[in-house]
C-alpha atoms as a PDB file:
ATOM      1  CA  UNK A   1       4.239 -15.748  -3.752  1.00  0.00           C
ATOM      2  CA  UNK A   2       4.270 -19.421  -3.023  1.00  0.00           C
ATOM      3  CA  UNK A   3       2.455 -18.821   0.290  1.00  0.00           C
ATOM      4  CA  UNK A   4      -0.661 -17.369  -1.342  1.00  0.00           C
ATOM      5  CA  UNK A   5      -2.258 -20.803  -1.229  1.00  0.00           C
ATOM      6  CA  UNK A   6      -2.077 -20.692   2.567  1.00  0.00           C
ATOM      7  CA  UNK A   7      -3.527 -17.185   2.671  1.00  0.00           C
ATOM      8  CA  UNK A   8      -0.404 -15.563   4.087  1.00  0.00           C
ATOM      9  CA  UNK A   9       2.172 -13.303   2.528  1.00  0.00           C
ATOM     10  CA  UNK A  10       5.132 -12.561   4.764  1.00  0.00           C
ATOM     11  CA  UNK A  11       8.324 -10.530   4.729  1.00  0.00           C
ATOM     12  CA  UNK A  12      10.372 -13.172   2.923  1.00  0.00           C
ATOM     13  CA  UNK A  13       7.733 -13.256   0.165  1.00  0.00           C
ATOM     14  CA  UNK A  14       7.994  -9.479  -0.188  1.00  0.00           C
ATOM     15  CA  UNK A  15      11.782  -9.702  -0.362  1.00  0.00           C
ATOM     16  CA  UNK A  16      11.569 -12.424  -3.034  1.00  0.00           C
ATOM     17  CA  UNK A  17       9.132 -10.338  -5.109  1.00  0.00           C
ATOM     18  CA  UNK A  18      11.394  -7.293  -4.868  1.00  0.00           C
ATOM     19  CA  UNK A  19      14.457  -9.341  -5.863  1.00  0.00           C
ATOM     20  CA  UNK A  20      12.622 -10.433  -9.024  1.00  0.00           C
ATOM     21  CA  UNK A  21      11.478  -6.864  -9.743  1.00  0.00           C
ATOM     22  CA  UNK A  22      14.885  -5.280  -9.017  1.00  0.00           C
ATOM     23  CA  UNK A  23      17.607  -7.878  -9.767  1.00  0.00           C
ATOM     24  CA  UNK A  24      20.376  -5.260  -9.455  1.00  0.00           C
ATOM     25  CA  UNK A  25      19.686  -4.831  -5.720  1.00  0.00           C
ATOM     26  CA  UNK A  26      21.262  -7.177  -3.191  1.00  0.00           C
ATOM     27  CA  UNK A  27      19.278  -9.092  -0.597  1.00  0.00           C
ATOM     28  CA  UNK A  28      20.782  -6.850   2.098  1.00  0.00           C
ATOM     29  CA  UNK A  29      19.743  -3.659   0.275  1.00  0.00           C
ATOM     30  CA  UNK A  30      16.179  -4.929  -0.093  1.00  0.00           C
ATOM     31  CA  UNK A  31      16.040  -5.966   3.557  1.00  0.00           C
ATOM     32  CA  UNK A  32      17.356  -2.565   4.680  1.00  0.00           C
ATOM     33  CA  UNK A  33      14.806  -0.772   2.473  1.00  0.00           C
ATOM     34  CA  UNK A  34      11.939  -2.749   4.006  1.00  0.00           C
ATOM     35  CA  UNK A  35      13.298  -2.078   7.521  1.00  0.00           C
ATOM     36  CA  UNK A  36      13.547   1.633   6.757  1.00  0.00           C
ATOM     37  CA  UNK A  37       9.980   1.856   5.441  1.00  0.00           C
ATOM     38  CA  UNK A  38       8.528  -0.058   8.400  1.00  0.00           C
ATOM     39  CA  UNK A  39      10.541   1.950  10.933  1.00  0.00           C
ATOM     40  CA  UNK A  40       9.333   5.217   9.374  1.00  0.00           C
ATOM     41  CA  UNK A  41       5.716   4.092   9.638  1.00  0.00           C
ATOM     42  CA  UNK A  42       6.164   2.953  13.255  1.00  0.00           C
ATOM     43  CA  UNK A  43       7.880   6.202  14.307  1.00  0.00           C
ATOM     44  CA  UNK A  44       5.222   8.384  12.682  1.00  0.00           C
ATOM     45  CA  UNK A  45       2.332   6.461  14.251  1.00  0.00           C
ATOM     46  CA  UNK A  46       4.062   6.533  17.653  1.00  0.00           C
ATOM     47  CA  UNK A  47       4.109  10.342  17.353  1.00  0.00           C
ATOM     48  CA  UNK A  48       0.311  10.323  16.762  1.00  0.00           C
ATOM     49  CA  UNK A  49       0.626  10.974  13.034  1.00  0.00           C
ATOM     50  CA  UNK A  50      -1.441   9.218  10.367  1.00  0.00           C
ATOM     51  CA  UNK A  51       0.476   7.464   7.593  1.00  0.00           C
ATOM     52  CA  UNK A  52      -1.466   7.229   4.355  1.00  0.00           C
ATOM     53  CA  UNK A  53      -0.245   5.122   1.454  1.00  0.00           C
ATOM     54  CA  UNK A  54      -2.515   5.880  -1.494  1.00  0.00           C
ATOM     55  CA  UNK A  55      -4.120   2.786  -2.944  1.00  0.00           C
ATOM     56  CA  UNK A  56      -3.074   0.699   0.073  1.00  0.00           C
ATOM     57  CA  UNK A  57      -4.410   2.128   3.321  1.00  0.00           C
ATOM     58  CA  UNK A  58      -3.880   4.257   6.397  1.00  0.00           C
ATOM     59  CA  UNK A  59      -1.964   3.488   9.596  1.00  0.00           C
ATOM     60  CA  UNK A  60      -2.913   5.333  12.780  1.00  0.00           C
ATOM     61  CA  UNK A  61      -2.741   5.026  16.556  1.00  0.00           C
ATOM     62  CA  UNK A  62      -5.886   3.792  18.276  1.00  0.00           C
ATOM     63  CA  UNK A  63      -6.377   4.276  22.001  1.00  0.00           C
ATOM     64  CA  UNK A  64      -8.033   1.511  23.984  1.00  0.00           C
ATOM     65  CA  UNK A  65     -10.043   2.733  26.964  1.00  0.00           C
ATOM     66  CA  UNK A  66      -9.023   1.872  30.531  1.00  0.00           C
ATOM     67  CA  UNK A  67     -10.732  -1.232  31.851  1.00  0.00           C
ATOM     68  CA  UNK A  68     -10.852  -3.608  34.768  1.00  0.00           C
ATOM     69  CA  UNK A  69     -10.299  -7.319  34.585  1.00  0.00           C
ATOM     70  CA  UNK A  70     -10.641 -10.247  36.963  1.00  0.00           C
ATOM     71  CA  UNK A  71      -7.964 -12.899  37.387  1.00  0.00           C
ATOM     72  CA  UNK A  72     -10.036 -16.102  37.027  1.00  0.00           C
ATOM     73  CA  UNK A  73      -7.723 -18.082  39.290  1.00  0.00           C
ATOM     74  CA  UNK A  74      -7.505 -15.694  42.258  1.00  0.00           C
ATOM     75  CA  UNK A  75     -10.670 -13.628  41.575  1.00  0.00           C
ATOM     76  CA  UNK A  76      -8.504 -10.553  42.123  1.00  0.00           C
ATOM     77  CA  UNK A  77      -9.743  -7.399  40.372  1.00  0.00           C
ATOM     78  CA  UNK A  78      -7.080  -5.370  38.571  1.00  0.00           C
ATOM     79  CA  UNK A  79      -7.213  -2.242  36.473  1.00  0.00           C
ATOM     80  CA  UNK A  80      -5.476  -1.697  33.178  1.00  0.00           C
ATOM     81  CA  UNK A  81      -4.896   1.893  32.122  1.00  0.00           C
ATOM     82  CA  UNK A  82      -5.395   3.318  28.673  1.00  0.00           C
ATOM     83  CA  UNK A  83      -3.254   1.572  26.078  1.00  0.00           C
ATOM     84  CA  UNK A  84      -2.473   2.305  22.455  1.00  0.00           C
ATOM     85  CA  UNK A  85      -2.344   0.010  19.460  1.00  0.00           C
ATOM     86  CA  UNK A  86      -1.659   0.454  15.759  1.00  0.00           C
ATOM     87  CA  UNK A  87      -4.736   0.510  13.542  1.00  0.00           C
ATOM     88  CA  UNK A  88      -4.782  -0.179   9.795  1.00  0.00           C
ATOM     89  CA  UNK A  89      -7.656   0.855   7.567  1.00  0.00           C
ATOM     90  CA  UNK A  90      -7.369  -0.549   4.029  1.00  0.00           C
ATOM     91  CA  UNK A  91      -8.143   1.702   1.083  1.00  0.00           C
ATOM     92  CA  UNK A  92     -11.232   1.146  -1.052  1.00  0.00           C
ATOM     93  CA  UNK A  93      -8.981   0.034  -3.932  1.00  0.00           C
ATOM     94  CA  UNK A  94      -7.368  -2.619  -1.719  1.00  0.00           C
ATOM     95  CA  UNK A  95     -10.759  -3.848  -0.501  1.00  0.00           C
ATOM     96  CA  UNK A  96     -11.984  -4.282  -4.089  1.00  0.00           C
ATOM     97  CA  UNK A  97      -9.013  -6.512  -4.946  1.00  0.00           C
END
């Protein structure tokens, strides 16, 4: 939680919070639990499923339309096909906090 002043909260902060909350778990167990949760979310979204965590938000796959772009150096026109990205929509409860 020491990084809240900077406006960031990263994986090591989550691990530290969980170690305080669950002192009987080892650092490795906590790390593996986080990996497992994240991997489950990634796999589900990759299979076009929505992952909803009540009170937190929803993860889903968002398709980005095909588009053309110009290389500014060579002025060559290239085309980029449809791509996918992960989208997160926070819950109303999370927005209020």
